[in-house]
């Protein structure tokens, strides 16, 4: 009997954990908000669809919840300024109608000027 209860509890826990990793879709007016998850259940990507096409702001997070990418779409095409964060840099990519217009890269360099 104890083995049966243990198996049932493990099955319920497994099903519950697996459901956390399934994408979540919510209607918000004429948009659908999509949320995708990492294996540990934390948010991986959030953004919107309109007429089954990517639209608006999409944000990607690492497993610690830090923002690693912010992207913009219109009618499924890359538009506007995208930002990609890395440990030591920030990359800004400007898109116009799915084409790259410019790329800027900023690196964190700590420089200190002292006046003695």
C-alpha atoms as a PDB file:
ATOM      1  CA  UNK A   1       0.000   0.000   0.000  1.00  0.00           C
ATOM      2  CA  UNK A   2       2.833   2.396   0.849  1.00  0.00           C
ATOM      3  CA  UNK A   3       4.439   1.701  -2.535  1.00  0.00           C
ATOM      4  CA  UNK A   4       1.197   2.498  -4.343  1.00  0.00           C
ATOM      5  CA  UNK A   5       0.791   5.800  -2.475  1.00  0.00           C
ATOM      6  CA  UNK A   6       4.427   6.703  -3.191  1.00  0.00           C
ATOM      7  CA  UNK A   7       3.964   5.999  -6.898  1.00  0.00           C
ATOM      8  CA  UNK A   8       0.775   8.097  -7.018  1.00  0.00           C
ATOM      9  CA  UNK A   9       2.465  11.030  -5.248  1.00  0.00           C
ATOM     10  CA  UNK A  10       5.448  10.865  -7.622  1.00  0.00           C
ATOM     11  CA  UNK A  11       3.147  10.761 -10.652  1.00  0.00           C
ATOM     12  CA  UNK A  12       1.191  13.794  -9.441  1.00  0.00           C
ATOM     13  CA  UNK A  13       4.418  15.695  -8.713  1.00  0.00           C
ATOM     14  CA  UNK A  14       5.808  14.813 -12.136  1.00  0.00           C
ATOM     15  CA  UNK A  15       2.628  15.899 -13.896  1.00  0.00           C
ATOM     16  CA  UNK A  16       2.548  19.149 -11.917  1.00  0.00           C
ATOM     17  CA  UNK A  17       6.181  19.919 -12.726  1.00  0.00           C
ATOM     18  CA  UNK A  18       5.732  19.095 -16.397  1.00  0.00           C
ATOM     19  CA  UNK A  19       2.768  21.458 -16.639  1.00  0.00           C
ATOM     20  CA  UNK A  20       4.907  24.353 -15.385  1.00  0.00           C
ATOM     21  CA  UNK A  21       7.160  23.943 -18.416  1.00  0.00           C
ATOM     22  CA  UNK A  22       4.327  24.069 -20.931  1.00  0.00           C
ATOM     23  CA  UNK A  23       3.900  27.447 -22.653  1.00  0.00           C
ATOM     24  CA  UNK A  24       1.132  29.656 -21.345  1.00  0.00           C
ATOM     25  CA  UNK A  25      -1.096  31.650 -23.725  1.00  0.00           C
ATOM     26  CA  UNK A  26      -3.487  34.392 -22.539  1.00  0.00           C
ATOM     27  CA  UNK A  27      -5.824  36.525 -24.629  1.00  0.00           C
ATOM     28  CA  UNK A  28      -5.379  40.273 -24.056  1.00  0.00           C
ATOM     29  CA  UNK A  29      -7.745  42.103 -26.377  1.00  0.00           C
ATOM     30  CA  UNK A  30      -6.728  41.271 -29.950  1.00  0.00           C
ATOM     31  CA  UNK A  31      -3.321  40.027 -28.757  1.00  0.00           C
ATOM     32  CA  UNK A  32      -2.193  36.715 -27.320  1.00  0.00           C
ATOM     33  CA  UNK A  33       0.423  36.931 -24.581  1.00  0.00           C
ATOM     34  CA  UNK A  34       2.808  33.980 -24.708  1.00  0.00           C
ATOM     35  CA  UNK A  35       5.025  32.878 -21.833  1.00  0.00           C
ATOM     36  CA  UNK A  36       7.618  30.133 -22.256  1.00  0.00           C
ATOM     37  CA  UNK A  37       9.487  28.540 -19.341  1.00  0.00           C
ATOM     38  CA  UNK A  38      12.922  27.155 -18.548  1.00  0.00           C
ATOM     39  CA  UNK A  39      13.135  23.548 -17.334  1.00  0.00           C
ATOM     40  CA  UNK A  40      13.187  24.783 -13.721  1.00  0.00           C
ATOM     41  CA  UNK A  41       9.861  26.619 -14.210  1.00  0.00           C
ATOM     42  CA  UNK A  42      11.291  30.157 -14.358  1.00  0.00           C
ATOM     43  CA  UNK A  43      10.230  32.428 -17.223  1.00  0.00           C
ATOM     44  CA  UNK A  44      12.347  32.076 -20.355  1.00  0.00           C
ATOM     45  CA  UNK A  45      10.549  34.243 -22.949  1.00  0.00           C
ATOM     46  CA  UNK A  46       7.510  36.524 -22.894  1.00  0.00           C
ATOM     47  CA  UNK A  47       5.878  38.313 -25.795  1.00  0.00           C
ATOM     48  CA  UNK A  48       2.808  38.773 -27.949  1.00  0.00           C
ATOM     49  CA  UNK A  49       1.205  37.381 -31.060  1.00  0.00           C
ATOM     50  CA  UNK A  50      -1.320  39.114 -33.285  1.00  0.00           C
ATOM     51  CA  UNK A  51      -2.935  37.085 -36.057  1.00  0.00           C
ATOM     52  CA  UNK A  52      -0.434  34.281 -35.293  1.00  0.00           C
ATOM     53  CA  UNK A  53       2.536  36.612 -35.974  1.00  0.00           C
ATOM     54  CA  UNK A  54       5.059  37.927 -33.496  1.00  0.00           C
ATOM     55  CA  UNK A  55       4.240  41.494 -32.506  1.00  0.00           C
ATOM     56  CA  UNK A  56       5.346  44.071 -29.974  1.00  0.00           C
ATOM     57  CA  UNK A  57       7.976  43.553 -27.304  1.00  0.00           C
ATOM     58  CA  UNK A  58       9.508  40.129 -26.645  1.00  0.00           C
ATOM     59  CA  UNK A  59      11.812  39.625 -23.645  1.00  0.00           C
ATOM     60  CA  UNK A  60      14.133  36.695 -22.929  1.00  0.00           C
ATOM     61  CA  UNK A  61      15.425  35.910 -19.413  1.00  0.00           C
ATOM     62  CA  UNK A  62      18.162  33.673 -18.087  1.00  0.00           C
ATOM     63  CA  UNK A  63      17.414  31.090 -15.381  1.00  0.00           C
ATOM     64  CA  UNK A  64      18.232  33.630 -12.644  1.00  0.00           C
ATOM     65  CA  UNK A  65      15.574  36.020 -13.981  1.00  0.00           C
ATOM     66  CA  UNK A  66      18.003  38.502 -15.549  1.00  0.00           C
ATOM     67  CA  UNK A  67      16.921  40.108 -18.814  1.00  0.00           C
ATOM     68  CA  UNK A  68      19.236  38.912 -21.620  1.00  0.00           C
ATOM     69  CA  UNK A  69      17.374  40.089 -24.724  1.00  0.00           C
ATOM     70  CA  UNK A  70      14.661  42.583 -25.600  1.00  0.00           C
ATOM     71  CA  UNK A  71      13.273  42.431 -29.132  1.00  0.00           C
ATOM     72  CA  UNK A  72      10.506  44.116 -31.093  1.00  0.00           C
ATOM     73  CA  UNK A  73       8.350  42.751 -33.908  1.00  0.00           C
ATOM     74  CA  UNK A  74       5.644  44.079 -36.193  1.00  0.00           C
ATOM     75  CA  UNK A  75       3.599  41.632 -38.286  1.00  0.00           C
ATOM     76  CA  UNK A  76       6.224  38.938 -37.662  1.00  0.00           C
ATOM     77  CA  UNK A  77       9.142  41.104 -38.829  1.00  0.00           C
ATOM     78  CA  UNK A  78      12.040  42.409 -36.747  1.00  0.00           C
ATOM     79  CA  UNK A  79      11.755  46.148 -36.178  1.00  0.00           C
ATOM     80  CA  UNK A  80      13.175  48.834 -33.925  1.00  0.00           C
ATOM     81  CA  UNK A  81      16.020  48.576 -31.475  1.00  0.00           C
ATOM     82  CA  UNK A  82      16.881  45.188 -30.045  1.00  0.00           C
ATOM     83  CA  UNK A  83      19.078  44.840 -26.973  1.00  0.00           C
ATOM     84  CA  UNK A  84      21.225  41.837 -26.068  1.00  0.00           C
ATOM     85  CA  UNK A  85      22.926  41.779 -22.670  1.00  0.00           C
ATOM     86  CA  UNK A  86      26.033  39.708 -21.989  1.00  0.00           C
ATOM     87  CA  UNK A  87      28.308  39.591 -18.944  1.00  0.00           C
ATOM     88  CA  UNK A  88      30.644  42.302 -20.163  1.00  0.00           C
ATOM     89  CA  UNK A  89      28.703  44.042 -22.930  1.00  0.00           C
ATOM     90  CA  UNK A  90      25.444  45.367 -24.304  1.00  0.00           C
ATOM     91  CA  UNK A  91      24.658  45.030 -27.993  1.00  0.00           C
ATOM     92  CA  UNK A  92      22.068  47.252 -29.645  1.00  0.00           C
ATOM     93  CA  UNK A  93      20.825  46.126 -33.044  1.00  0.00           C
ATOM     94  CA  UNK A  94      18.557  48.407 -35.056  1.00  0.00           C
ATOM     95  CA  UNK A  95      16.182  46.606 -37.438  1.00  0.00           C
ATOM     96  CA  UNK A  96      13.951  48.038 -40.132  1.00  0.00           C
ATOM     97  CA  UNK A  97      11.541  45.637 -41.850  1.00  0.00           C
ATOM     98  CA  UNK A  98      13.607  42.557 -40.903  1.00  0.00           C
ATOM     99  CA  UNK A  99      16.904  44.094 -42.110  1.00  0.00           C
ATOM    100  CA  UNK A 100      19.773  45.193 -39.853  1.00  0.00           C
ATOM    101  CA  UNK A 101      20.330  48.951 -40.107  1.00  0.00           C
ATOM    102  CA  UNK A 102      23.066  49.333 -37.488  1.00  0.00           C
ATOM    103  CA  UNK A 103      24.806  47.578 -34.615  1.00  0.00           C
ATOM    104  CA  UNK A 104      26.319  49.234 -31.558  1.00  0.00           C
ATOM    105  CA  UNK A 105      28.382  47.379 -28.958  1.00  0.00           C
ATOM    106  CA  UNK A 106      29.104  48.767 -25.526  1.00  0.00           C
ATOM    107  CA  UNK A 107      31.601  47.113 -23.210  1.00  0.00           C
ATOM    108  CA  UNK A 108      31.762  47.711 -19.502  1.00  0.00           C
ATOM    109  CA  UNK A 109      35.119  49.225 -18.806  1.00  0.00           C
ATOM    110  CA  UNK A 110      35.653  50.680 -15.388  1.00  0.00           C
ATOM    111  CA  UNK A 111      37.903  53.709 -15.697  1.00  0.00           C
ATOM    112  CA  UNK A 112      38.408  56.004 -12.782  1.00  0.00           C
ATOM    113  CA  UNK A 113      40.023  59.397 -12.933  1.00  0.00           C
ATOM    114  CA  UNK A 114      41.446  60.682  -9.696  1.00  0.00           C
ATOM    115  CA  UNK A 115      42.713  64.139  -8.967  1.00  0.00           C
ATOM    116  CA  UNK A 116      45.451  64.205  -6.314  1.00  0.00           C
END
